[in-house]
Amino acid sequence: MSTRRRSSSALAVLLGLALFPAVAGAACPLVEKIVTGTVLDEGGKGLAGATVTATWNEKGASDVTSQTKSDATGHFELLIQYSPYSGRTFGGTDRCEGTAPAADVFAALEGRRSTRDRVDLATEYAELKLVVR
């Protein structure tokens, strides 16, 4: 790539950052939630190696996802990070008052899936039990 083409690309990136600071450099730190639970077979035995996925809608964007695997006993801990960014004030500062999304969580193993469990990330919730059928 020529130096001139790289300079043009870098300039475009810098212009994008200047024009869209809310997206590029919002001052709101991500909120982190950990969803825990166990993936079970229909007999109630923990399933190791299941892929646990959470999906949620954030700020009208397409679904955001996070994944993890269940351990040897079927237990999992899934980190979900979302932005509380809710726009700019009239003074131009970032507002970090956005509501927590609800996430749909399910497990999959060897072509089989569990039912979805919906978790409201703004509230306390019990440990999930995902039964793979």
Protein backbone atom coordinates (compact mmCIF):
# COMPACT_ATOMS: atom_id res chain seq x y z
CA MET A 1 0.00 0.00 0.00
CA SER A 2 1.41 3.38 -0.91
CA THR A 3 2.21 6.03 1.69
CA ARG A 4 -0.37 8.32 0.10
CA ARG A 5 -3.12 5.68 0.32
CA ARG A 6 -2.23 4.94 3.98
CA SER A 7 -2.35 8.67 4.77
CA SER A 8 -5.79 8.94 3.18
CA SER A 9 -7.01 5.95 5.19
CA ALA A 10 -5.64 7.37 8.43
CA LEU A 11 -7.20 10.76 7.69
CA ALA A 12 -10.58 9.12 7.05
CA VAL A 13 -10.39 7.30 10.38
CA LEU A 14 -9.48 10.50 12.24
CA LEU A 15 -12.29 12.41 10.55
CA GLY A 16 -14.72 9.66 11.50
CA LEU A 17 -13.61 9.86 15.13
CA ALA A 18 -14.04 13.64 15.13
CA LEU A 19 -17.48 13.52 13.53
CA PHE A 20 -18.85 10.69 15.67
CA PRO A 21 -17.31 11.10 19.13
CA ALA A 22 -20.28 9.48 20.89
CA VAL A 23 -19.56 6.21 19.16
CA ALA A 24 -15.79 6.42 19.08
CA GLY A 25 -15.04 7.74 22.53
CA ALA A 26 -18.09 7.70 24.75
CA ALA A 27 -17.09 8.42 28.33
CA CYS A 28 -19.43 5.74 29.68
CA PRO A 29 -17.62 2.64 30.92
CA LEU A 30 -19.13 -0.69 29.94
CA VAL A 31 -21.35 -2.34 32.54
CA GLU A 32 -20.37 -5.94 33.27
CA LYS A 33 -22.76 -8.66 34.44
CA ILE A 34 -21.94 -12.31 34.97
CA VAL A 35 -24.73 -14.78 34.28
CA THR A 36 -24.17 -18.16 35.95
CA GLY A 37 -25.90 -21.48 35.66
CA THR A 38 -25.69 -25.13 34.77
CA VAL A 39 -26.32 -26.97 31.52
CA LEU A 40 -28.17 -30.23 32.16
CA ASP A 41 -29.42 -33.21 30.18
CA GLU A 42 -33.05 -34.29 30.55
CA GLY A 43 -32.07 -36.57 33.45
CA GLY A 44 -30.58 -33.66 35.42
CA LYS A 45 -26.90 -34.57 34.82
CA GLY A 46 -24.46 -31.71 34.09
CA LEU A 47 -23.24 -31.50 30.50
CA ALA A 48 -19.60 -30.58 29.88
CA GLY A 49 -18.49 -28.61 26.84
CA ALA A 50 -21.87 -27.09 25.94
CA THR A 51 -21.72 -23.71 24.23
CA VAL A 52 -23.72 -21.17 26.20
CA THR A 53 -24.76 -18.08 24.25
CA ALA A 54 -26.42 -14.85 25.32
CA THR A 55 -27.89 -12.42 22.80
CA TRP A 56 -29.30 -8.97 23.45
CA ASN A 57 -30.22 -5.86 21.51
CA GLU A 58 -28.17 -2.80 22.30
CA LYS A 59 -29.16 0.67 21.16
CA GLY A 60 -31.13 -0.55 18.14
CA ALA A 61 -28.10 -2.37 16.74
CA SER A 62 -28.31 -5.93 15.59
CA ASP A 63 -28.06 -8.56 18.30
CA VAL A 64 -24.91 -8.55 20.40
CA THR A 65 -23.66 -11.93 21.61
CA SER A 66 -21.39 -13.40 24.25
CA GLN A 67 -20.39 -17.06 24.54
CA THR A 68 -18.71 -19.46 26.92
CA LYS A 69 -18.45 -23.23 27.47
CA SER A 70 -19.77 -25.25 30.37
CA ASP A 71 -17.16 -26.94 32.57
CA ALA A 72 -16.86 -30.66 33.49
CA THR A 73 -19.90 -30.42 35.80
CA GLY A 74 -22.02 -28.38 33.36
CA HIS A 75 -21.50 -25.11 35.27
CA PHE A 76 -20.89 -21.87 33.34
CA GLU A 77 -20.12 -18.22 33.93
CA LEU A 78 -20.96 -15.92 31.05
CA LEU A 79 -19.67 -12.34 30.97
CA ILE A 80 -22.05 -9.82 29.40
CA GLN A 81 -20.85 -6.27 28.76
CA TYR A 82 -23.16 -3.50 27.61
CA SER A 83 -22.97 0.25 27.23
CA PRO A 84 -25.10 2.55 29.41
CA TYR A 85 -24.52 5.41 26.92
CA SER A 86 -27.82 7.26 26.46
CA GLY A 87 -26.86 10.28 24.37
CA ARG A 88 -25.40 13.70 24.89
CA THR A 89 -26.52 16.51 27.12
CA PHE A 90 -27.12 20.00 25.73
CA GLY A 91 -23.69 20.86 27.11
CA GLY A 92 -22.10 18.14 24.97
CA THR A 93 -21.16 15.64 27.69
CA ASP A 94 -22.03 11.97 27.47
CA ARG A 95 -24.99 10.68 29.48
CA CYS A 96 -24.57 7.23 30.98
CA GLU A 97 -28.16 6.56 32.04
CA GLY A 98 -29.17 3.88 29.55
CA THR A 99 -31.29 0.98 30.75
CA ALA A 100 -29.91 -2.51 31.07
CA PRO A 101 -31.00 -4.87 28.31
CA ALA A 102 -32.62 -8.25 28.71
CA ALA A 103 -30.56 -11.14 27.35
CA ASP A 104 -31.77 -14.42 25.89
CA VAL A 105 -29.54 -17.28 27.05
CA PHE A 106 -29.43 -20.79 25.64
CA ALA A 107 -27.05 -23.76 25.44
CA ALA A 108 -26.13 -26.00 22.51
CA LEU A 109 -24.31 -29.33 22.41
CA GLU A 110 -23.85 -31.79 19.54
CA GLY A 111 -26.61 -30.30 17.42
CA ARG A 112 -29.08 -30.14 20.31
CA ARG A 113 -30.28 -26.95 21.98
CA SER A 114 -31.88 -25.93 25.22
CA THR A 115 -34.88 -23.68 25.54
CA ARG A 116 -34.12 -19.98 25.86
CA ASP A 117 -34.12 -18.32 29.25
CA ARG A 118 -34.60 -14.53 29.39
CA VAL A 119 -32.50 -12.60 31.92
CA ASP A 120 -33.22 -8.97 32.82
CA LEU A 121 -29.73 -7.60 33.47
CA ALA A 122 -31.13 -4.75 35.60
CA THR A 123 -32.41 -7.12 38.30
CA GLU A 124 -31.08 -9.92 40.45
CA TYR A 125 -31.83 -13.36 39.08
CA ALA A 126 -31.41 -16.95 40.14
CA GLU A 127 -28.75 -19.21 38.67
CA LEU A 128 -29.97 -20.56 35.34
CA LYS A 129 -30.76 -24.21 34.63
CA LEU A 130 -30.55 -24.86 30.88
CA VAL A 131 -31.82 -28.31 29.88
CA VAL A 132 -30.53 -29.56 26.52
CA ARG A 133 -33.01 -31.82 24.73
